[in-house]
Amino acid sequence: MISIDRLCYNSNLRYVNAGEKFAFAVLSLCACVLSRSIPVSCFVLVIMGILSVWKGGIPFSCYMRYMGVPLVFLLLSSLAIIINFSGEPLDLFAFSVGGIYITGSRESLFYALNLILTALASVSCLYFLSFHTPMPDILSVLRRLRCPKLILELMLLIYRFIFVLFEVAHAIRVSQNSRLGNRNYRTSMKSFGAMASALLIRAMKKSDALYNAMEARCYNGDIRVLDENFPPRGKEIILIVVFEIILYGLVVIEML
């Protein structure tokens, strides 16, 4: 089982209505994207972190590790925004290299910081949904929202094949390690290439076997999954509405 999936099924918010969590995460995400404001992004980032760690029971170290993945990517990407090559020095910093300055401005630094916080806040909304809502529940919500059936079936099949490929890759990896297939860099690269080619072949065979199994069970173009129904609670709905009113109030204030 994938670690995110394991956290999801062990979450304290696992049995909260999926529609509530979906609406809360998506509305908060839209607020971050619309405002692109540092105060709004920080507010959403803090609230999502508190709910995931304190209310949802996700270990703090685990949550920070997952948040660190997009943070590293964003920091490296923001260097291209902050650092410029110019014939004139800018107001933040400047290093002369021959006749050219490696320089940056306060405006570009503020823009990069705004971009990083907006992206992190948006990711935290998606993490909140992923950490506390199983994939079948998310698909059930999308089905009720009249999402195209083809997209839902593709999402379900891709989700299923992630586990299949991880299981096959783990078995191949154990087999390679038992034969000293990763004792140095050269053999590791060779083993990785062999594993990638074997995964492609296994994936084709598994997909063919899955389709045959679905046909044998009278597949007619519609994959039916048993949904778990957790009724919405009035208190939770009120809290979500109050939070979103405050959040979008901040968005309006920042946009004025």
Protein backbone atom coordinates (compact mmCIF):
# COMPACT_ATOMS: atom_id res chain seq x y z
CA MET A 1 0.00 0.00 0.00
CA ILE A 2 1.24 3.51 -0.85
CA SER A 3 2.16 5.56 2.20
CA ILE A 4 -0.40 8.28 1.36
CA ASP A 5 -3.08 5.62 1.05
CA ARG A 6 -2.06 4.13 4.39
CA LEU A 7 -2.25 7.53 6.06
CA CYS A 8 -5.65 8.10 4.47
CA TYR A 9 -7.23 4.91 5.81
CA ASN A 10 -5.78 5.55 9.29
CA SER A 11 -6.83 9.22 9.40
CA ASN A 12 -9.12 10.50 12.15
CA LEU A 13 -11.10 12.30 9.42
CA ARG A 14 -11.55 9.15 7.38
CA TYR A 15 -15.25 8.82 8.22
CA VAL A 16 -16.18 12.46 7.65
CA ASN A 17 -18.48 12.98 4.68
CA ALA A 18 -16.40 13.02 1.50
CA GLY A 19 -18.46 15.81 -0.06
CA GLU A 20 -17.66 18.11 2.87
CA LYS A 21 -13.92 17.47 2.58
CA PHE A 22 -14.00 17.84 -1.21
CA ALA A 23 -15.88 21.16 -1.06
CA PHE A 24 -13.62 22.46 1.71
CA ALA A 25 -10.41 21.60 -0.16
CA VAL A 26 -11.55 22.78 -3.60
CA LEU A 27 -13.03 26.09 -2.37
CA SER A 28 -9.87 26.83 -0.38
CA LEU A 29 -7.74 25.96 -3.39
CA CYS A 30 -9.75 28.31 -5.60
CA ALA A 31 -9.32 31.10 -3.04
CA CYS A 32 -5.53 30.69 -3.12
CA VAL A 33 -5.41 30.71 -6.91
CA LEU A 34 -7.76 33.70 -7.24
CA SER A 35 -6.06 35.91 -4.66
CA ARG A 36 -2.38 35.00 -5.16
CA SER A 37 -1.89 36.83 -1.90
CA ILE A 38 0.68 36.12 0.79
CA PRO A 39 -1.73 36.64 3.75
CA VAL A 40 -4.40 34.39 2.19
CA SER A 41 -1.84 31.72 1.29
CA CYS A 42 -0.33 31.75 4.79
CA PHE A 43 -3.80 31.54 6.35
CA VAL A 44 -4.77 28.52 4.23
CA LEU A 45 -1.38 26.88 4.73
CA VAL A 46 -1.60 27.13 8.52
CA ILE A 47 -5.23 25.98 8.74
CA MET A 48 -4.65 22.97 6.46
CA GLY A 49 -1.56 21.99 8.42
CA ILE A 50 -3.38 22.24 11.76
CA LEU A 51 -6.34 20.21 10.50
CA SER A 52 -4.14 17.52 8.94
CA VAL A 53 -1.79 17.12 11.90
CA TRP A 54 -3.92 17.95 14.94
CA LYS A 55 -7.40 16.92 13.80
CA GLY A 56 -6.53 14.28 11.23
CA GLY A 57 -3.74 12.60 13.20
CA ILE A 58 -1.09 12.77 10.47
CA PRO A 59 2.40 12.69 12.07
CA PHE A 60 3.99 16.15 11.93
CA SER A 61 7.31 14.79 10.59
CA CYS A 62 5.48 12.90 7.86
CA TYR A 63 3.44 15.97 6.90
CA MET A 64 6.54 18.16 6.72
CA ARG A 65 8.32 15.54 4.62
CA TYR A 66 5.53 15.57 2.07
CA MET A 67 5.40 19.37 2.07
CA GLY A 68 9.17 19.46 1.59
CA VAL A 69 8.94 17.78 -1.83
CA PRO A 70 7.09 20.65 -3.60
CA LEU A 71 9.01 23.20 -1.51
CA VAL A 72 12.37 22.04 -2.89
CA PHE A 73 11.01 22.12 -6.43
CA LEU A 74 9.58 25.61 -5.92
CA LEU A 75 12.78 26.98 -4.40
CA LEU A 76 14.85 25.72 -7.33
CA SER A 77 12.32 27.05 -9.84
CA SER A 78 12.19 30.46 -8.14
CA LEU A 79 15.90 31.01 -8.67
CA ALA A 80 15.14 31.73 -12.32
CA ILE A 81 12.77 34.49 -11.20
CA ILE A 82 15.03 36.07 -8.59
CA ILE A 83 18.39 35.93 -10.39
CA ASN A 84 18.86 38.06 -13.50
CA PHE A 85 21.76 38.86 -15.81
CA SER A 86 21.82 42.56 -16.57
CA GLY A 87 24.10 45.33 -17.57
CA GLU A 88 22.91 47.40 -14.59
CA PRO A 89 22.71 46.38 -10.91
CA LEU A 90 19.27 46.02 -9.31
CA ASP A 91 18.22 47.05 -5.82
CA LEU A 92 18.38 43.68 -3.98
CA PHE A 93 21.87 42.35 -4.75
CA ALA A 94 24.44 42.55 -7.53
CA PHE A 95 27.68 40.69 -8.32
CA SER A 96 29.86 41.96 -11.11
CA VAL A 97 31.21 39.34 -13.52
CA GLY A 98 33.15 41.15 -16.24
CA GLY A 99 30.77 43.65 -17.77
CA ILE A 100 27.62 41.82 -16.64
CA TYR A 101 25.87 41.84 -13.26
CA ILE A 102 24.35 38.78 -11.62
CA THR A 103 21.63 40.70 -9.85
CA GLY A 104 18.11 40.65 -8.46
CA SER A 105 15.39 43.05 -7.41
CA ARG A 106 13.12 43.28 -4.39
CA GLU A 107 10.13 43.07 -6.72
CA SER A 108 11.29 39.74 -8.16
CA LEU A 109 11.97 38.40 -4.64
CA PHE A 110 8.47 39.39 -3.52
CA TYR A 111 6.97 37.81 -6.64
CA ALA A 112 8.89 34.56 -6.07
CA LEU A 113 7.84 34.45 -2.41
CA ASN A 114 4.23 35.05 -3.39
CA LEU A 115 4.43 32.28 -5.98
CA ILE A 116 5.99 29.81 -3.52
CA LEU A 117 3.40 30.45 -0.79
CA THR A 118 0.48 30.30 -3.24
CA ALA A 119 1.69 27.00 -4.65
CA LEU A 120 2.37 25.52 -1.19
CA ALA A 121 -1.07 26.58 0.07
CA SER A 122 -2.68 25.01 -3.00
CA VAL A 123 -0.71 21.80 -2.48
CA SER A 124 -1.72 21.73 1.19
CA CYS A 125 -5.39 21.79 0.10
CA LEU A 126 -4.81 18.81 -2.17
CA TYR A 127 -2.86 17.04 0.57
CA PHE A 128 -5.75 17.58 2.95
CA LEU A 129 -8.08 15.86 0.51
CA SER A 130 -5.60 13.06 -0.25
CA PHE A 131 -4.61 12.39 3.37
CA HIS A 132 -8.18 12.04 4.63
CA THR A 133 -10.31 10.84 1.69
CA PRO A 134 -9.88 7.44 -0.01
CA MET A 135 -9.86 7.38 -3.79
CA PRO A 136 -13.24 5.54 -4.09
CA ASP A 137 -14.88 8.29 -2.01
CA ILE A 138 -13.38 11.01 -4.22
CA LEU A 139 -14.65 9.21 -7.32
CA SER A 140 -18.08 8.94 -5.71
CA VAL A 141 -18.16 12.71 -5.19
CA LEU A 142 -17.08 13.35 -8.77
CA ARG A 143 -19.75 10.93 -9.98
CA ARG A 144 -22.42 12.90 -8.13
CA LEU A 145 -21.03 16.08 -9.72
CA ARG A 146 -21.70 14.52 -13.15
CA CYS A 147 -18.04 14.14 -14.06
CA PRO A 148 -17.71 12.25 -17.39
CA LYS A 149 -17.86 8.50 -16.86
CA LEU A 150 -14.82 7.86 -19.07
CA ILE A 151 -12.60 10.09 -16.91
CA LEU A 152 -13.77 8.37 -13.72
CA GLU A 153 -13.06 4.92 -15.14
CA LEU A 154 -9.60 5.99 -16.27
CA MET A 155 -8.89 7.42 -12.81
CA LEU A 156 -10.00 4.19 -11.16
CA LEU A 157 -7.94 1.98 -13.49
CA ILE A 158 -4.84 4.16 -13.13
CA TYR A 159 -5.24 4.14 -9.35
CA ARG A 160 -5.51 0.34 -9.42
CA PHE A 161 -2.46 -0.06 -11.66
CA ILE A 162 -0.29 2.07 -9.38
CA PHE A 163 -0.50 -0.69 -6.78
CA VAL A 164 0.04 -3.42 -9.36
CA LEU A 165 3.18 -1.77 -10.75
CA PHE A 166 4.55 -1.03 -7.26
CA GLU A 167 4.09 -4.67 -6.31
CA VAL A 168 5.81 -5.92 -9.47
CA ALA A 169 8.62 -3.35 -9.14
CA HIS A 170 9.20 -4.35 -5.50
CA ALA A 171 9.42 -8.03 -6.44
CA ILE A 172 11.90 -7.28 -9.25
CA ARG A 173 13.94 -5.05 -6.96
CA VAL A 174 14.20 -7.75 -4.29
CA SER A 175 15.24 -10.27 -6.94
CA GLN A 176 17.93 -7.91 -8.28
CA ASN A 177 19.30 -7.17 -4.81
CA SER A 178 19.52 -10.87 -3.99
CA ARG A 179 21.71 -11.28 -7.10
CA LEU A 180 23.90 -8.24 -6.28
CA GLY A 181 22.33 -6.30 -9.11
CA ASN A 182 22.92 -2.95 -7.34
CA ARG A 183 26.42 -3.34 -5.97
CA ASN A 184 27.75 -0.32 -7.88
CA TYR A 185 26.60 2.50 -10.13
CA ARG A 186 27.09 0.58 -13.40
CA THR A 187 25.13 -2.48 -12.31
CA SER A 188 22.45 -0.25 -10.75
CA MET A 189 21.86 1.52 -14.06
CA LYS A 190 21.74 -1.79 -15.88
CA SER A 191 19.32 -3.24 -13.33
CA PHE A 192 17.12 -0.15 -13.51
CA GLY A 193 16.86 -0.43 -17.30
CA ALA A 194 16.01 -4.12 -17.03
CA MET A 195 13.36 -3.37 -14.42
CA ALA A 196 11.81 -0.63 -16.56
CA SER A 197 11.54 -2.91 -19.60
CA ALA A 198 10.13 -5.75 -17.47
CA LEU A 199 7.57 -3.38 -15.94
CA LEU A 200 6.37 -2.34 -19.39
CA ILE A 201 5.86 -5.96 -20.44
CA ARG A 202 4.18 -6.88 -17.13
CA ALA A 203 1.91 -3.85 -17.36
CA MET A 204 0.72 -4.88 -20.82
CA LYS A 205 0.05 -8.42 -19.65
CA LYS A 206 -1.70 -7.26 -16.48
CA SER A 207 -3.92 -4.84 -18.42
CA ASP A 208 -4.90 -7.59 -20.86
CA ALA A 209 -5.69 -9.97 -17.98
CA LEU A 210 -7.71 -7.25 -16.22
CA TYR A 211 -9.77 -6.56 -19.32
CA ASN A 212 -10.44 -10.27 -19.83
CA ALA A 213 -11.55 -10.55 -16.20
CA MET A 214 -13.89 -7.57 -16.62
CA GLU A 215 -15.35 -9.07 -19.82
CA ALA A 216 -15.91 -12.38 -18.03
CA ARG A 217 -17.95 -10.47 -15.41
CA CYS A 218 -20.23 -8.89 -18.04
CA TYR A 219 -18.45 -5.55 -18.30
CA ASN A 220 -20.66 -3.15 -20.26
CA GLY A 221 -18.59 0.03 -20.09
CA ASP A 222 -19.48 0.93 -16.52
CA ILE A 223 -17.28 0.04 -13.53
CA ARG A 224 -19.42 -0.13 -10.41
CA VAL A 225 -17.76 0.33 -7.02
CA LEU A 226 -19.49 -0.02 -3.65
CA ASP A 227 -19.63 3.41 -2.03
CA GLU A 228 -19.46 4.01 1.71
CA ASN A 229 -22.01 6.56 2.79
CA PHE A 230 -21.10 8.86 5.69
CA PRO A 231 -23.94 11.36 6.25
CA PRO A 232 -23.00 15.05 6.46
CA ARG A 233 -23.12 16.75 9.85
CA GLY A 234 -24.64 20.16 10.40
CA LYS A 235 -21.87 21.36 12.72
CA GLU A 236 -19.17 20.52 10.18
CA ILE A 237 -21.07 22.22 7.37
CA ILE A 238 -21.49 25.37 9.46
CA LEU A 239 -17.76 25.44 10.29
CA ILE A 240 -16.85 25.01 6.62
CA VAL A 241 -19.23 27.81 5.57
CA VAL A 242 -17.86 30.15 8.24
CA PHE A 243 -14.26 29.40 7.25
CA GLU A 244 -14.94 29.95 3.55
CA ILE A 245 -16.76 33.24 4.26
CA ILE A 246 -13.76 34.47 6.25
CA LEU A 247 -11.34 33.21 3.59
CA TYR A 248 -13.15 34.81 0.67
CA GLY A 249 -13.56 37.97 2.72
CA LEU A 250 -9.77 38.12 2.93
CA VAL A 251 -9.59 37.48 -0.82
CA VAL A 252 -11.91 40.41 -1.54
CA ILE A 253 -9.94 42.68 0.82
CA GLU A 254 -6.65 41.76 -0.84
CA MET A 255 -8.05 42.33 -4.32
CA LEU A 256 -9.41 45.79 -3.52
